[in-house]
N, C-alpha and C. Protein backbone atom coordinates (compact mmCIF):
# COMPACT_ATOMS: atom_id res chain seq x y z
N MET A 1 0.96 -1.09 0.14
CA MET A 1 -0.03 -0.25 -0.14
C MET A 1 0.68 1.22 0.06
N ASN A 2 0.67 2.38 -0.95
CA ASN A 2 1.55 3.18 -0.71
C ASN A 2 0.76 4.26 0.31
N ALA A 3 2.25 5.48 0.34
CA ALA A 3 1.78 6.42 1.57
C ALA A 3 0.57 7.22 1.15
N GLU A 4 0.23 7.44 0.23
CA GLU A 4 -1.36 8.36 0.06
C GLU A 4 -2.43 7.14 0.24
N VAL A 5 -2.45 6.14 -0.05
CA VAL A 5 -3.42 5.25 0.14
C VAL A 5 -3.80 5.26 1.74
N LYS A 6 -2.48 4.54 2.43
CA LYS A 6 -2.10 4.40 3.48
C LYS A 6 -2.58 5.44 4.55
N ASP A 7 -2.49 6.86 4.06
CA ASP A 7 -2.75 7.93 4.80
C ASP A 7 -4.61 8.22 4.41
N TYR A 8 -4.98 8.18 3.57
CA TYR A 8 -6.18 8.11 3.35
C TYR A 8 -7.11 6.98 3.91
N VAL A 9 -6.54 5.97 4.13
CA VAL A 9 -7.70 4.87 4.96
C VAL A 9 -7.15 4.94 6.22
N VAL A 10 -6.12 5.31 6.90
CA VAL A 10 -6.01 5.87 8.32
C VAL A 10 -7.21 6.93 8.52
N GLU A 11 -7.29 7.78 7.74
CA GLU A 11 -8.03 8.98 7.93
C GLU A 11 -9.30 8.45 8.08
N LYS A 12 -9.48 7.95 7.37
CA LYS A 12 -10.97 7.00 7.44
C LYS A 12 -11.40 5.93 8.55
N VAL A 13 -10.45 5.17 8.90
CA VAL A 13 -10.46 4.43 9.81
C VAL A 13 -10.68 4.88 11.26
N ASN A 14 -9.84 6.33 11.37
CA ASN A 14 -10.28 6.86 12.27
C ASN A 14 -11.82 7.79 12.50
N ALA A 15 -12.18 8.31 11.41
CA ALA A 15 -13.36 8.72 11.25
C ALA A 15 -14.56 7.72 11.94
N LEU A 16 -14.44 6.14 10.81
CA LEU A 16 -15.14 5.24 11.75
C LEU A 16 -15.03 4.87 12.99
N MET A 17 -14.15 5.20 13.34
CA MET A 17 -13.87 5.02 14.80
C MET A 17 -14.75 6.29 15.77
N GLN A 18 -14.48 6.99 15.39
CA GLN A 18 -15.20 8.34 15.98
C GLN A 18 -16.87 8.49 15.69
N ALA A 19 -17.10 7.82 14.85
CA ALA A 19 -18.53 7.75 14.34
C ALA A 19 -19.32 7.16 15.46
N HIS A 20 -20.53 8.00 15.84
CA HIS A 20 -21.67 7.68 16.94
C HIS A 20 -22.18 6.13 16.31
N SER A 21 -22.33 6.14 14.84
CA SER A 21 -23.02 4.81 14.84
C SER A 21 -22.25 3.60 14.48
N CYS A 22 -20.77 4.15 14.90
CA CYS A 22 -19.92 2.78 14.36
C CYS A 22 -20.02 1.71 15.98
N CYS A 23 -20.24 0.23 15.58
CA CYS A 23 -20.43 -0.72 16.36
C CYS A 23 -18.95 -1.00 16.95
N ALA A 24 -19.46 -1.61 18.09
CA ALA A 24 -17.83 -1.87 19.05
C ALA A 24 -16.77 -2.97 18.10
N GLU A 25 -17.66 -3.64 17.51
CA GLU A 25 -16.69 -4.79 17.02
C GLU A 25 -15.82 -4.07 15.54
N ALA A 26 -16.58 -3.41 15.08
CA ALA A 26 -15.82 -2.32 13.93
C ALA A 26 -14.69 -1.43 14.52
N LYS A 27 -14.87 -0.98 15.65
CA LYS A 27 -14.11 0.00 16.50
C LYS A 27 -12.71 -0.86 16.70
N GLU A 28 -13.00 -2.63 17.33
CA GLU A 28 -12.21 -3.14 17.62
C GLU A 28 -11.04 -3.31 16.54
N ALA A 29 -11.71 -3.93 15.08
CA ALA A 29 -11.26 -4.33 14.03
C ALA A 29 -10.43 -3.26 13.76
N ALA A 30 -10.85 -1.84 13.80
CA ALA A 30 -10.19 -0.71 13.52
C ALA A 30 -9.13 -0.49 13.94
N GLN A 31 -9.04 -0.68 15.20
CA GLN A 31 -8.13 -0.47 16.16
C GLN A 31 -7.10 -1.08 16.00
N ASN A 32 -7.31 -2.60 16.03
CA ASN A 32 -6.22 -3.61 15.46
C ASN A 32 -5.60 -3.26 14.00
N TRP A 33 -6.21 -3.17 12.98
CA TRP A 33 -5.68 -2.79 12.23
C TRP A 33 -4.57 -1.51 12.25
N LEU A 34 -5.23 -0.32 12.70
CA LEU A 34 -3.96 0.61 13.26
C LEU A 34 -2.91 0.36 13.76
N ASP A 35 -3.38 -0.54 15.05
CA ASP A 35 -2.20 -1.11 15.47
C ASP A 35 -1.11 -1.80 15.13
N ALA A 36 -1.31 -2.86 13.99
CA ALA A 36 -0.85 -3.96 13.10
C ALA A 36 -0.23 -3.13 11.98
N LEU A 37 -0.46 -2.14 11.91
CA LEU A 37 0.46 -1.34 10.40
C LEU A 37 1.89 -1.36 10.69
N GLY A 38 2.66 -2.03 9.48
CA GLY A 38 4.03 -1.65 9.52
C GLY A 38 4.62 -2.97 10.42
N THR A 39 3.70 -3.79 11.01
CA THR A 39 4.08 -4.84 11.95
C THR A 39 3.48 -6.55 10.66
N ASP A 40 4.05 -7.42 10.99
CA ASP A 40 4.17 -8.78 10.45
C ASP A 40 2.63 -9.12 11.14
N LYS A 41 1.67 -8.43 11.49
CA LYS A 41 -0.01 -8.50 11.82
C LYS A 41 -0.81 -7.96 10.75
N GLU A 42 0.36 -7.31 10.21
CA GLU A 42 -0.81 -6.02 9.20
C GLU A 42 -1.82 -6.83 8.42
N ALA A 43 -1.06 -8.19 7.69
CA ALA A 43 -1.92 -8.72 6.51
C ALA A 43 -3.44 -9.08 6.90
N ASP A 44 -3.11 -9.84 8.19
CA ASP A 44 -4.16 -10.27 8.88
C ASP A 44 -5.87 -9.24 9.87
N ALA A 45 -4.73 -8.08 10.17
CA ALA A 45 -5.57 -7.36 10.68
C ALA A 45 -6.00 -6.64 9.31
N ALA A 46 -5.77 -6.45 8.48
CA ALA A 46 -6.28 -5.99 7.11
C ALA A 46 -7.78 -6.94 6.61
N LYS A 47 -7.31 -8.27 6.61
CA LYS A 47 -8.63 -9.20 6.50
C LYS A 47 -9.58 -8.81 7.55
N ASN A 48 -9.07 -9.07 8.70
CA ASN A 48 -10.34 -9.05 9.72
C ASN A 48 -10.71 -7.20 9.94
N LEU A 49 -10.62 -6.52 9.47
CA LEU A 49 -10.99 -5.42 9.08
C LEU A 49 -11.68 -5.00 8.03
N ILE A 50 -11.68 -5.81 6.46
CA ILE A 50 -12.40 -5.78 5.95
C ILE A 50 -13.35 -6.59 5.71
N ALA A 51 -13.17 -8.03 6.60
CA ALA A 51 -14.79 -8.52 6.74
C ALA A 51 -15.95 -8.00 7.65
N GLU A 52 -15.09 -7.38 8.71
CA GLU A 52 -15.78 -6.88 9.87
C GLU A 52 -16.92 -5.55 8.73
N LEU A 53 -16.34 -4.93 8.16
CA LEU A 53 -16.80 -3.61 7.09
C LEU A 53 -17.89 -4.13 6.30
N GLU A 54 -17.32 -4.99 5.37
CA GLU A 54 -18.18 -5.91 4.62
C GLU A 54 -19.68 -6.36 5.57
N GLU A 55 -19.84 -6.59 6.75
CA GLU A 55 -20.58 -7.48 7.36
C GLU A 55 -21.63 -6.27 7.74
N ASP A 56 -20.87 -5.04 8.01
CA ASP A 56 -21.45 -4.17 9.00
C ASP A 56 -22.07 -3.06 8.19
N ILE A 57 -21.80 -2.50 7.06
CA ILE A 57 -22.23 -1.60 5.79
C ILE A 57 -23.46 -2.32 5.68
N MET A 58 -24.44 -1.17 5.94
CA MET A 58 -25.70 -1.28 5.13
C MET A 58 -26.23 -0.65 4.14
N PRO A 59 -26.62 -1.58 3.32
CA PRO A 59 -27.24 -1.57 2.22
C PRO A 59 -28.14 -0.67 2.37
N ILE A 60 -28.53 0.29 1.29
CA ILE A 60 -29.76 1.25 1.14
C ILE A 60 -31.18 0.49 1.37
N ASP A 61 -31.28 -0.68 0.52
CA ASP A 61 -32.44 -1.04 0.66
C ASP A 61 -32.66 -1.96 2.22
N GLY A 62 -31.54 -2.22 2.95
CA GLY A 62 -31.77 -2.66 3.85
C GLY A 62 -31.86 -1.64 5.21
N LEU A 63 -31.45 -0.34 4.82
CA LEU A 63 -31.89 0.84 5.90
C LEU A 63 -33.64 1.05 5.49
N ILE A 64 -34.08 0.81 4.31
CA ILE A 64 -35.11 1.30 3.74
C ILE A 64 -36.22 0.10 4.66
N GLY A 65 -35.88 -0.78 4.48
CA GLY A 65 -36.67 -1.44 4.96
C GLY A 65 -36.64 -1.80 6.88
N PHE A 66 -35.53 -1.62 7.37
CA PHE A 66 -35.08 -1.26 8.49
C PHE A 66 -36.11 0.05 9.03
N ALA A 67 -36.22 1.22 8.46
CA ALA A 67 -36.77 2.37 9.17
C ALA A 67 -37.94 2.33 9.08
N GLY A 68 -38.84 1.64 7.65
CA GLY A 68 -39.81 1.15 7.51
C GLY A 68 -40.72 0.46 8.80
N SER A 69 -40.03 -0.22 9.42
CA SER A 69 -40.77 -1.30 10.22
C SER A 69 -40.86 -1.12 11.69
N GLU A 70 -41.52 -2.03 12.14
CA GLU A 70 -41.82 -1.65 13.91
C GLU A 70 -40.23 -1.58 14.46
N ALA A 71 -39.26 -2.37 14.18
CA ALA A 71 -37.85 -2.41 14.90
C ALA A 71 -37.37 -1.46 14.47
N GLY A 72 -37.89 -0.40 13.44
CA GLY A 72 -37.05 0.68 13.26
C GLY A 72 -37.84 1.96 14.03
N ALA A 73 -38.72 1.52 13.88
CA ALA A 73 -39.72 2.92 14.87
C ALA A 73 -39.35 2.66 16.15
N GLN A 74 -38.86 1.37 16.82
CA GLN A 74 -38.52 1.42 18.30
C GLN A 74 -37.23 1.84 18.68
N VAL A 75 -36.48 1.73 17.53
CA VAL A 75 -34.89 2.14 17.33
C VAL A 75 -34.46 3.67 17.50
N PHE A 76 -35.43 3.87 16.44
CA PHE A 76 -35.15 5.34 15.82
C PHE A 76 -36.23 6.33 16.88
N GLY A 77 -37.57 5.68 17.16
CA GLY A 77 -38.69 6.33 17.48
C GLY A 77 -39.60 6.75 16.21
N ALA A 78 -40.98 6.74 15.99
CA ALA A 78 -41.79 6.60 15.37
C ALA A 78 -41.24 7.67 14.14
N GLU A 79 -40.86 8.87 15.04
CA GLU A 79 -41.26 10.00 14.11
C GLU A 79 -39.33 9.95 13.34
N LYS A 80 -38.29 9.79 13.65
CA LYS A 80 -37.47 9.84 13.44
C LYS A 80 -36.93 8.91 12.08
N ALA A 81 -37.91 7.60 12.83
CA ALA A 81 -37.99 6.43 11.62
C ALA A 81 -38.50 6.72 10.36
N LYS A 82 -39.37 7.89 10.47
CA LYS A 82 -40.15 8.34 8.98
C LYS A 82 -38.96 9.27 8.14
N ASP A 83 -38.59 9.69 9.02
CA ASP A 83 -37.15 10.67 8.62
C ASP A 83 -36.24 10.28 8.35
N VAL A 84 -36.05 8.85 8.68
CA VAL A 84 -35.12 8.09 8.32
C VAL A 84 -35.35 7.46 6.85
N LEU A 85 -36.76 7.02 6.85
CA LEU A 85 -36.94 6.33 6.05
C LEU A 85 -36.91 7.24 4.66
N ALA A 86 -37.43 8.63 4.65
CA ALA A 86 -37.40 9.61 3.59
C ALA A 86 -36.20 9.63 3.18
N HIS A 87 -35.31 9.87 3.96
CA HIS A 87 -33.78 10.30 3.74
C HIS A 87 -33.07 9.25 2.82
N ALA A 88 -33.53 8.02 3.23
CA ALA A 88 -33.02 6.92 2.94
C ALA A 88 -33.84 6.69 1.25
N GLU A 89 -34.96 6.83 1.05
CA GLU A 89 -35.54 6.95 -0.34
C GLU A 89 -34.79 7.67 -0.84
N GLU A 90 -34.56 8.83 -0.63
CA GLU A 90 -33.74 10.24 -1.02
C GLU A 90 -32.55 9.72 -1.74
N ILE A 91 -31.99 9.21 -0.97
CA ILE A 91 -30.55 8.88 -1.58
C ILE A 91 -30.23 8.09 -2.26
N LYS A 92 -31.37 7.19 -1.87
CA LYS A 92 -31.54 5.85 -2.87
C LYS A 92 -31.93 6.37 -4.47
N ALA A 93 -32.91 7.17 -4.56
CA ALA A 93 -33.28 7.80 -5.96
C ALA A 93 -31.85 7.83 -6.33
N ALA A 94 -31.42 8.81 -5.58
CA ALA A 94 -30.06 9.49 -6.15
C ALA A 94 -28.60 8.67 -6.50
N GLY A 95 -28.67 7.43 -6.31
CA GLY A 95 -28.12 6.42 -6.72
C GLY A 95 -27.18 6.03 -5.26
N ALA A 96 -27.42 6.28 -4.23
CA ALA A 96 -26.64 5.59 -3.27
C ALA A 96 -26.87 4.12 -3.50
N LYS A 97 -25.55 3.48 -2.65
CA LYS A 97 -26.25 1.81 -2.61
C LYS A 97 -26.23 1.61 -1.10
N TYR A 98 -25.93 2.38 -0.50
CA TYR A 98 -25.59 2.07 0.92
C TYR A 98 -26.25 3.13 2.04
N CYS A 99 -26.10 3.09 3.18
CA CYS A 99 -26.59 4.13 3.91
C CYS A 99 -25.24 5.36 4.23
N ASP A 100 -26.21 6.27 4.51
CA ASP A 100 -24.93 7.53 4.43
C ASP A 100 -24.66 7.60 5.78
N CYS A 101 -24.96 6.84 7.03
CA CYS A 101 -24.42 7.65 8.45
C CYS A 101 -22.76 7.53 8.30
N PRO A 102 -22.47 8.41 9.35
CA PRO A 102 -20.68 8.30 9.19
C PRO A 102 -20.25 7.42 9.47
N ALA A 103 -20.62 6.25 10.19
CA ALA A 103 -19.94 4.86 10.14
C ALA A 103 -20.04 4.09 8.70
N CYS A 104 -21.38 4.08 8.17
CA CYS A 104 -21.44 3.42 6.59
C CYS A 104 -20.84 4.47 5.78
N ALA A 105 -20.65 5.54 5.82
CA ALA A 105 -19.77 6.19 4.58
C ALA A 105 -18.26 5.96 4.87
N ALA A 106 -17.96 6.01 5.98
CA ALA A 106 -16.57 5.36 6.49
C ALA A 106 -16.22 4.21 5.78
N CYS A 107 -17.06 3.36 6.03
CA CYS A 107 -16.75 1.86 5.54
C CYS A 107 -17.01 1.87 4.12
N GLU A 108 -17.89 2.75 3.34
CA GLU A 108 -17.77 2.62 1.96
C GLU A 108 -16.54 3.26 1.71
N ALA A 109 -16.03 3.72 2.13
CA ALA A 109 -14.59 4.67 1.38
C ALA A 109 -13.31 4.07 1.80
N ILE A 110 -13.80 3.05 3.26
CA ILE A 110 -12.55 2.26 3.22
C ILE A 110 -12.85 1.15 2.37
N LEU A 111 -13.59 0.60 2.28
CA LEU A 111 -13.98 -0.75 1.00
C LEU A 111 -13.55 -0.34 -0.29
N ALA A 112 -13.74 0.70 -0.47
CA ALA A 112 -13.41 0.97 -1.95
C ALA A 112 -11.88 1.13 -2.31
N LYS A 113 -11.22 1.03 -1.08
CA LYS A 113 -9.36 0.84 -1.34
C LYS A 113 -9.22 -0.76 -1.06
N LYS A 114 -10.34 -1.43 -0.78
CA LYS A 114 -9.74 -3.04 -0.32
C LYS A 114 -8.84 -3.68 -1.13
N ASP A 115 -8.51 -3.39 -2.34
CA ASP A 115 -7.64 -3.93 -3.11
C ASP A 115 -6.23 -3.34 -2.96
N ASP A 116 -6.06 -2.36 -2.15
CA ASP A 116 -5.19 -1.82 -1.77
C ASP A 116 -4.62 -2.10 -0.36
N ILE A 117 -5.82 -2.44 0.39
CA ILE A 117 -5.38 -2.75 1.48
C ILE A 117 -5.10 -4.11 1.91
N LEU A 118 -5.70 -4.88 0.77
CA LEU A 118 -5.15 -6.42 1.02
C LEU A 118 -4.06 -6.63 0.60
């Protein structure tokens, strides 16, 4: 991985870890990758990070389904769930493939560099 890609991915990994919507498992995988940079553990940590991000990133149709469900209303609150649903439908219409919350946006940016990381 060249220095420019490394700097970019480190920036996005840090953004992921700071995102309020980032789960504990993704934070752990991200920190493990940062800790492993430049060591003989980097390749394994990169594989684990990518696997975690691929599992966690929310496809836009999944967000639409969740926000429009009773479970979504319980998590977000009824009014906020309606707002999330409307936003998700709007960004899907504009071509979004994934949720655009801070964690998913960071995941998408990192995954775009997957081939450089692995």
